[in-house]
Amino acid sequence: MDETKELVKKITEGIQEKKGKNIVIADLTDIDDTICKFFVICQGNSPSQVLAITDSIKEYIRKETGHKVFAMDGVRNAQWVAMDYSDIIVHIFLPEVRDFYDLEHLWADAKLTYIPDID
């Protein structure tokens, strides 16, 4: 579990490298029948920033931990990119798409941690 938490921390750092905003970590470990242990949710202001955040996470995680992303979806339209790190799924949204899907409230039972933006 500590390795998973460390990976969440590194993913957060990768997001912050490219000024990703409104980072929320949803801890799903106490919820039965979930597809993973953590969601890391953030947003970029444009499709190009969403892709820059995606690339930053991918490279930073590979460099820092040796982990590779198992699967990615959404890079073609870059409105919502999902990155699968097995126990962690990273969601990178455009703000309006994030508001629409509202994952934080969908998983209301999860323990949510809000990471302050770095300016």
N, C-alpha and C. Protein backbone atom coordinates (compact mmCIF):
# COMPACT_ATOMS: atom_id res chain seq x y z
N MET A 1 0.83 -1.20 0.00
CA MET A 1 0.00 0.00 0.00
C MET A 1 0.87 1.27 0.00
N ASP A 2 2.00 1.22 0.73
CA ASP A 2 2.88 2.38 0.76
C ASP A 2 3.40 2.72 -0.62
N GLU A 3 3.69 1.70 -1.42
CA GLU A 3 4.16 1.93 -2.79
C GLU A 3 3.08 2.65 -3.62
N THR A 4 1.83 2.25 -3.41
CA THR A 4 0.72 2.89 -4.12
C THR A 4 0.60 4.35 -3.71
N LYS A 5 0.71 4.63 -2.41
CA LYS A 5 0.63 6.02 -1.94
C LYS A 5 1.79 6.84 -2.47
N GLU A 6 2.96 6.25 -2.55
CA GLU A 6 4.13 6.94 -3.10
C GLU A 6 3.90 7.26 -4.58
N LEU A 7 3.28 6.32 -5.30
CA LEU A 7 2.98 6.55 -6.71
C LEU A 7 1.96 7.68 -6.87
N VAL A 8 0.96 7.74 -5.98
CA VAL A 8 -0.01 8.84 -6.00
C VAL A 8 0.72 10.18 -5.83
N LYS A 9 1.67 10.22 -4.90
CA LYS A 9 2.44 11.44 -4.65
C LYS A 9 3.23 11.84 -5.90
N LYS A 10 3.86 10.87 -6.55
CA LYS A 10 4.66 11.14 -7.75
C LYS A 10 3.76 11.61 -8.91
N ILE A 11 2.58 11.01 -9.03
CA ILE A 11 1.63 11.43 -10.06
C ILE A 11 1.24 12.89 -9.83
N THR A 12 0.98 13.24 -8.56
CA THR A 12 0.64 14.62 -8.21
C THR A 12 1.77 15.57 -8.62
N GLU A 13 3.00 15.17 -8.36
CA GLU A 13 4.15 16.00 -8.75
C GLU A 13 4.22 16.16 -10.27
N GLY A 14 3.93 15.08 -10.99
CA GLY A 14 3.92 15.15 -12.45
C GLY A 14 2.86 16.10 -12.98
N ILE A 15 1.72 16.14 -12.30
CA ILE A 15 0.64 17.07 -12.67
C ILE A 15 1.10 18.50 -12.42
N GLN A 16 1.70 18.72 -11.26
CA GLN A 16 2.12 20.06 -10.88
C GLN A 16 3.23 20.61 -11.78
N GLU A 17 4.05 19.71 -12.37
CA GLU A 17 5.10 20.11 -13.30
C GLU A 17 4.53 20.97 -14.44
N LYS A 18 3.32 20.62 -14.86
CA LYS A 18 2.69 21.32 -15.99
C LYS A 18 1.51 22.19 -15.53
N LYS A 19 1.54 22.59 -14.26
CA LYS A 19 0.55 23.51 -13.71
C LYS A 19 -0.89 23.00 -13.78
N GLY A 20 -1.05 21.68 -13.63
CA GLY A 20 -2.40 21.13 -13.52
C GLY A 20 -3.07 21.68 -12.27
N LYS A 21 -4.35 21.94 -12.34
CA LYS A 21 -5.07 22.61 -11.25
C LYS A 21 -6.11 21.70 -10.61
N ASN A 22 -6.57 22.15 -9.43
CA ASN A 22 -7.67 21.49 -8.71
C ASN A 22 -7.46 19.98 -8.58
N ILE A 23 -6.32 19.61 -8.06
CA ILE A 23 -6.00 18.19 -7.91
C ILE A 23 -6.77 17.64 -6.71
N VAL A 24 -7.47 16.54 -6.95
CA VAL A 24 -8.19 15.85 -5.89
C VAL A 24 -7.77 14.38 -5.92
N ILE A 25 -7.43 13.85 -4.76
CA ILE A 25 -7.11 12.43 -4.64
C ILE A 25 -8.28 11.76 -3.93
N ALA A 26 -8.89 10.80 -4.60
CA ALA A 26 -10.01 10.05 -4.01
C ALA A 26 -9.48 8.69 -3.56
N ASP A 27 -9.52 8.47 -2.26
CA ASP A 27 -9.06 7.21 -1.67
C ASP A 27 -10.26 6.25 -1.64
N LEU A 28 -10.19 5.21 -2.48
CA LEU A 28 -11.28 4.26 -2.61
C LEU A 28 -11.02 2.96 -1.85
N THR A 29 -9.97 2.93 -1.04
CA THR A 29 -9.55 1.67 -0.41
C THR A 29 -10.60 1.09 0.53
N ASP A 30 -11.44 1.92 1.14
CA ASP A 30 -12.45 1.41 2.06
C ASP A 30 -13.79 1.11 1.40
N ILE A 31 -13.83 1.24 0.06
CA ILE A 31 -15.08 0.99 -0.66
C ILE A 31 -14.96 -0.36 -1.36
N ASP A 32 -15.97 -1.20 -1.21
CA ASP A 32 -15.94 -2.53 -1.82
C ASP A 32 -16.14 -2.46 -3.33
N ASP A 33 -15.58 -3.43 -4.02
CA ASP A 33 -15.81 -3.63 -5.46
C ASP A 33 -15.47 -2.43 -6.33
N THR A 34 -14.36 -1.76 -6.05
CA THR A 34 -13.93 -0.68 -6.93
C THR A 34 -12.88 -1.21 -7.91
N ILE A 35 -12.71 -0.50 -9.01
CA ILE A 35 -11.76 -0.95 -10.03
C ILE A 35 -10.32 -0.61 -9.67
N CYS A 36 -10.14 0.26 -8.69
CA CYS A 36 -8.79 0.65 -8.29
C CYS A 36 -8.82 1.16 -6.85
N LYS A 37 -7.65 1.52 -6.32
CA LYS A 37 -7.56 2.01 -4.94
C LYS A 37 -7.64 3.53 -4.84
N PHE A 38 -7.18 4.21 -5.89
CA PHE A 38 -7.16 5.67 -5.88
C PHE A 38 -7.55 6.24 -7.24
N PHE A 39 -8.25 7.36 -7.22
CA PHE A 39 -8.41 8.22 -8.38
C PHE A 39 -7.58 9.46 -8.09
N VAL A 40 -6.86 9.93 -9.10
CA VAL A 40 -6.24 11.24 -9.02
C VAL A 40 -6.90 12.06 -10.12
N ILE A 41 -7.56 13.15 -9.73
CA ILE A 41 -8.35 13.95 -10.66
C ILE A 41 -7.75 15.35 -10.73
N CYS A 42 -7.60 15.87 -11.95
CA CYS A 42 -7.09 17.23 -12.09
C CYS A 42 -7.63 17.81 -13.39
N GLN A 43 -7.23 19.05 -13.67
CA GLN A 43 -7.68 19.67 -14.90
C GLN A 43 -6.61 20.55 -15.50
N GLY A 44 -6.72 20.70 -16.82
CA GLY A 44 -5.91 21.63 -17.59
C GLY A 44 -6.85 22.59 -18.30
N ASN A 45 -6.36 23.77 -18.63
CA ASN A 45 -7.24 24.81 -19.19
C ASN A 45 -7.51 24.68 -20.68
N SER A 46 -6.75 23.83 -21.37
CA SER A 46 -6.92 23.68 -22.81
C SER A 46 -6.56 22.24 -23.19
N PRO A 47 -7.01 21.79 -24.37
CA PRO A 47 -6.60 20.44 -24.80
C PRO A 47 -5.08 20.28 -24.83
N SER A 48 -4.35 21.30 -25.24
CA SER A 48 -2.89 21.17 -25.28
C SER A 48 -2.30 21.03 -23.86
N GLN A 49 -2.89 21.73 -22.88
CA GLN A 49 -2.40 21.57 -21.50
C GLN A 49 -2.77 20.19 -20.95
N VAL A 50 -3.96 19.69 -21.29
CA VAL A 50 -4.35 18.34 -20.87
C VAL A 50 -3.32 17.32 -21.38
N LEU A 51 -2.92 17.46 -22.64
CA LEU A 51 -1.93 16.54 -23.22
C LEU A 51 -0.55 16.73 -22.58
N ALA A 52 -0.19 17.99 -22.28
CA ALA A 52 1.10 18.25 -21.63
C ALA A 52 1.15 17.62 -20.25
N ILE A 53 0.04 17.71 -19.50
CA ILE A 53 -0.04 17.08 -18.18
C ILE A 53 0.08 15.56 -18.32
N THR A 54 -0.63 15.01 -19.29
CA THR A 54 -0.59 13.56 -19.55
C THR A 54 0.85 13.11 -19.81
N ASP A 55 1.54 13.80 -20.72
CA ASP A 55 2.92 13.45 -21.04
C ASP A 55 3.84 13.61 -19.83
N SER A 56 3.61 14.67 -19.06
CA SER A 56 4.43 14.92 -17.88
C SER A 56 4.30 13.78 -16.88
N ILE A 57 3.07 13.36 -16.62
CA ILE A 57 2.84 12.25 -15.68
C ILE A 57 3.55 10.99 -16.19
N LYS A 58 3.33 10.68 -17.46
CA LYS A 58 3.89 9.46 -18.05
C LYS A 58 5.41 9.44 -17.92
N GLU A 59 6.06 10.54 -18.30
CA GLU A 59 7.53 10.61 -18.25
C GLU A 59 8.05 10.65 -16.81
N TYR A 60 7.40 11.45 -15.96
CA TYR A 60 7.84 11.61 -14.58
C TYR A 60 7.76 10.28 -13.82
N ILE A 61 6.67 9.58 -14.00
CA ILE A 61 6.48 8.29 -13.31
C ILE A 61 7.50 7.27 -13.80
N ARG A 62 7.71 7.23 -15.11
CA ARG A 62 8.68 6.28 -15.66
C ARG A 62 10.08 6.57 -15.12
N LYS A 63 10.44 7.86 -15.10
CA LYS A 63 11.76 8.27 -14.64
C LYS A 63 11.93 8.04 -13.14
N GLU A 64 10.94 8.41 -12.35
CA GLU A 64 11.05 8.37 -10.89
C GLU A 64 10.82 6.97 -10.30
N THR A 65 9.96 6.17 -10.92
CA THR A 65 9.58 4.89 -10.31
C THR A 65 9.81 3.68 -11.21
N GLY A 66 9.97 3.92 -12.50
CA GLY A 66 10.08 2.80 -13.43
C GLY A 66 8.74 2.24 -13.87
N HIS A 67 7.65 2.72 -13.29
CA HIS A 67 6.31 2.24 -13.68
C HIS A 67 5.93 2.80 -15.04
N LYS A 68 5.21 1.99 -15.79
CA LYS A 68 4.67 2.44 -17.08
C LYS A 68 3.14 2.44 -16.98
N VAL A 69 2.54 3.35 -17.72
CA VAL A 69 1.08 3.40 -17.76
C VAL A 69 0.58 2.16 -18.50
N PHE A 70 -0.45 1.47 -17.95
CA PHE A 70 -0.97 0.25 -18.57
C PHE A 70 -1.82 0.58 -19.78
N ALA A 71 -2.63 1.61 -19.65
CA ALA A 71 -3.53 2.00 -20.73
C ALA A 71 -3.87 3.47 -20.58
N MET A 72 -4.17 4.09 -21.73
CA MET A 72 -4.61 5.49 -21.72
C MET A 72 -5.75 5.63 -22.71
N ASP A 73 -6.68 6.51 -22.38
CA ASP A 73 -7.78 6.77 -23.29
C ASP A 73 -8.10 8.25 -23.27
N GLY A 74 -8.53 8.78 -24.40
CA GLY A 74 -8.97 10.16 -24.46
C GLY A 74 -7.97 11.13 -25.04
N VAL A 75 -6.78 10.64 -25.43
CA VAL A 75 -5.77 11.58 -25.93
C VAL A 75 -6.16 12.18 -27.28
N ARG A 76 -7.00 11.53 -28.04
CA ARG A 76 -7.35 12.04 -29.36
C ARG A 76 -8.10 13.37 -29.26
N ASN A 77 -9.10 13.46 -28.38
CA ASN A 77 -9.83 14.74 -28.28
C ASN A 77 -9.35 15.58 -27.09
N ALA A 78 -8.60 14.98 -26.18
CA ALA A 78 -7.95 15.69 -25.08
C ALA A 78 -8.91 16.54 -24.24
N GLN A 79 -10.12 16.04 -24.04
CA GLN A 79 -11.06 16.71 -23.13
C GLN A 79 -11.08 16.00 -21.78
N TRP A 80 -10.89 14.69 -21.82
CA TRP A 80 -10.80 13.86 -20.62
C TRP A 80 -9.86 12.71 -20.94
N VAL A 81 -8.69 12.73 -20.35
CA VAL A 81 -7.74 11.64 -20.53
C VAL A 81 -7.73 10.80 -19.26
N ALA A 82 -7.86 9.49 -19.43
CA ALA A 82 -7.77 8.56 -18.31
C ALA A 82 -6.49 7.75 -18.47
N MET A 83 -5.72 7.67 -17.39
CA MET A 83 -4.46 6.91 -17.39
C MET A 83 -4.57 5.82 -16.32
N ASP A 84 -4.30 4.58 -16.72
CA ASP A 84 -4.45 3.45 -15.82
C ASP A 84 -3.08 3.00 -15.30
N TYR A 85 -2.88 3.18 -14.01
CA TYR A 85 -1.69 2.68 -13.33
C TYR A 85 -2.08 1.55 -12.37
N SER A 86 -2.95 0.67 -12.82
CA SER A 86 -3.42 -0.49 -12.06
C SER A 86 -4.22 -0.08 -10.83
N ASP A 87 -3.56 0.19 -9.70
CA ASP A 87 -4.28 0.56 -8.48
C ASP A 87 -4.69 2.03 -8.47
N ILE A 88 -4.21 2.78 -9.46
CA ILE A 88 -4.49 4.22 -9.53
C ILE A 88 -4.98 4.56 -10.94
N ILE A 89 -6.07 5.30 -11.01
CA ILE A 89 -6.51 5.82 -12.30
C ILE A 89 -6.46 7.34 -12.22
N VAL A 90 -5.76 7.92 -13.19
CA VAL A 90 -5.59 9.37 -13.25
C VAL A 90 -6.58 9.92 -14.27
N HIS A 91 -7.29 10.96 -13.89
CA HIS A 91 -8.24 11.62 -14.79
C HIS A 91 -7.78 13.06 -14.99
N ILE A 92 -7.54 13.44 -16.25
CA ILE A 92 -7.13 14.81 -16.57
C ILE A 92 -8.23 15.39 -17.45
N PHE A 93 -8.89 16.42 -16.94
CA PHE A 93 -10.07 16.98 -17.59
C PHE A 93 -9.85 18.41 -18.07
N LEU A 94 -10.66 18.80 -19.06
CA LEU A 94 -10.94 20.22 -19.28
C LEU A 94 -11.96 20.61 -18.22
N PRO A 95 -11.95 21.87 -17.73
CA PRO A 95 -12.84 22.26 -16.62
C PRO A 95 -14.32 21.95 -16.86
N GLU A 96 -14.85 22.26 -18.04
CA GLU A 96 -16.29 22.06 -18.28
C GLU A 96 -16.65 20.58 -18.34
N VAL A 97 -15.74 19.75 -18.82
CA VAL A 97 -15.98 18.30 -18.87
C VAL A 97 -15.92 17.73 -17.45
N ARG A 98 -14.99 18.23 -16.67
CA ARG A 98 -14.89 17.79 -15.27
C ARG A 98 -16.16 18.15 -14.51
N ASP A 99 -16.65 19.38 -14.70
CA ASP A 99 -17.88 19.80 -14.03
C ASP A 99 -19.05 18.90 -14.43
N PHE A 100 -19.10 18.54 -15.70
CA PHE A 100 -20.20 17.72 -16.20
C PHE A 100 -20.21 16.33 -15.56
N TYR A 101 -19.05 15.66 -15.52
CA TYR A 101 -19.00 14.29 -15.00
C TYR A 101 -18.91 14.23 -13.48
N ASP A 102 -18.34 15.25 -12.86
CA ASP A 102 -18.37 15.41 -11.41
C ASP A 102 -17.99 14.13 -10.65
N LEU A 103 -16.83 13.57 -11.00
CA LEU A 103 -16.40 12.30 -10.40
C LEU A 103 -16.29 12.35 -8.88
N GLU A 104 -15.88 13.51 -8.36
CA GLU A 104 -15.72 13.61 -6.91
C GLU A 104 -17.02 13.30 -6.18
N HIS A 105 -18.14 13.74 -6.73
CA HIS A 105 -19.42 13.48 -6.06
C HIS A 105 -19.98 12.10 -6.41
N LEU A 106 -19.59 11.59 -7.56
CA LEU A 106 -19.99 10.24 -7.94
C LEU A 106 -19.42 9.24 -6.92
N TRP A 107 -18.21 9.51 -6.45
CA TRP A 107 -17.56 8.66 -5.46
C TRP A 107 -17.60 9.34 -4.10
N ALA A 108 -18.78 9.74 -3.69
CA ALA A 108 -18.96 10.52 -2.45
C ALA A 108 -18.49 9.76 -1.21
N ASP A 109 -18.47 8.44 -1.25
CA ASP A 109 -18.02 7.64 -0.11
C ASP A 109 -16.50 7.64 0.06
N ALA A 110 -15.80 8.08 -0.98
CA ALA A 110 -14.34 8.07 -0.94
C ALA A 110 -13.84 9.17 -0.01
N LYS A 111 -12.64 8.95 0.53
CA LYS A 111 -11.99 9.99 1.31
C LYS A 111 -11.27 10.91 0.32
N LEU A 112 -11.67 12.19 0.26
CA LEU A 112 -11.10 13.11 -0.73
C LEU A 112 -10.04 13.98 -0.09
N THR A 113 -8.92 14.12 -0.79
CA THR A 113 -7.85 15.00 -0.38
C THR A 113 -7.65 16.05 -1.47
N TYR A 114 -7.74 17.30 -1.09
CA TYR A 114 -7.59 18.40 -2.04
C TYR A 114 -6.17 18.94 -1.96
N ILE A 115 -5.48 18.99 -3.09
CA ILE A 115 -4.10 19.46 -3.14
C ILE A 115 -4.11 20.92 -3.58
N PRO A 116 -3.52 21.82 -2.79
CA PRO A 116 -3.51 23.23 -3.19
C PRO A 116 -2.78 23.44 -4.52
N ASP A 117 -3.30 24.37 -5.33
CA ASP A 117 -2.65 24.70 -6.60
C ASP A 117 -1.29 25.35 -6.33
N ILE A 118 -0.35 25.09 -7.22
CA ILE A 118 0.94 25.77 -7.18
C ILE A 118 0.89 26.83 -8.27
N ASP A 119 1.15 28.07 -7.90
CA ASP A 119 1.06 29.13 -8.92
C ASP A 119 2.44 29.46 -9.49
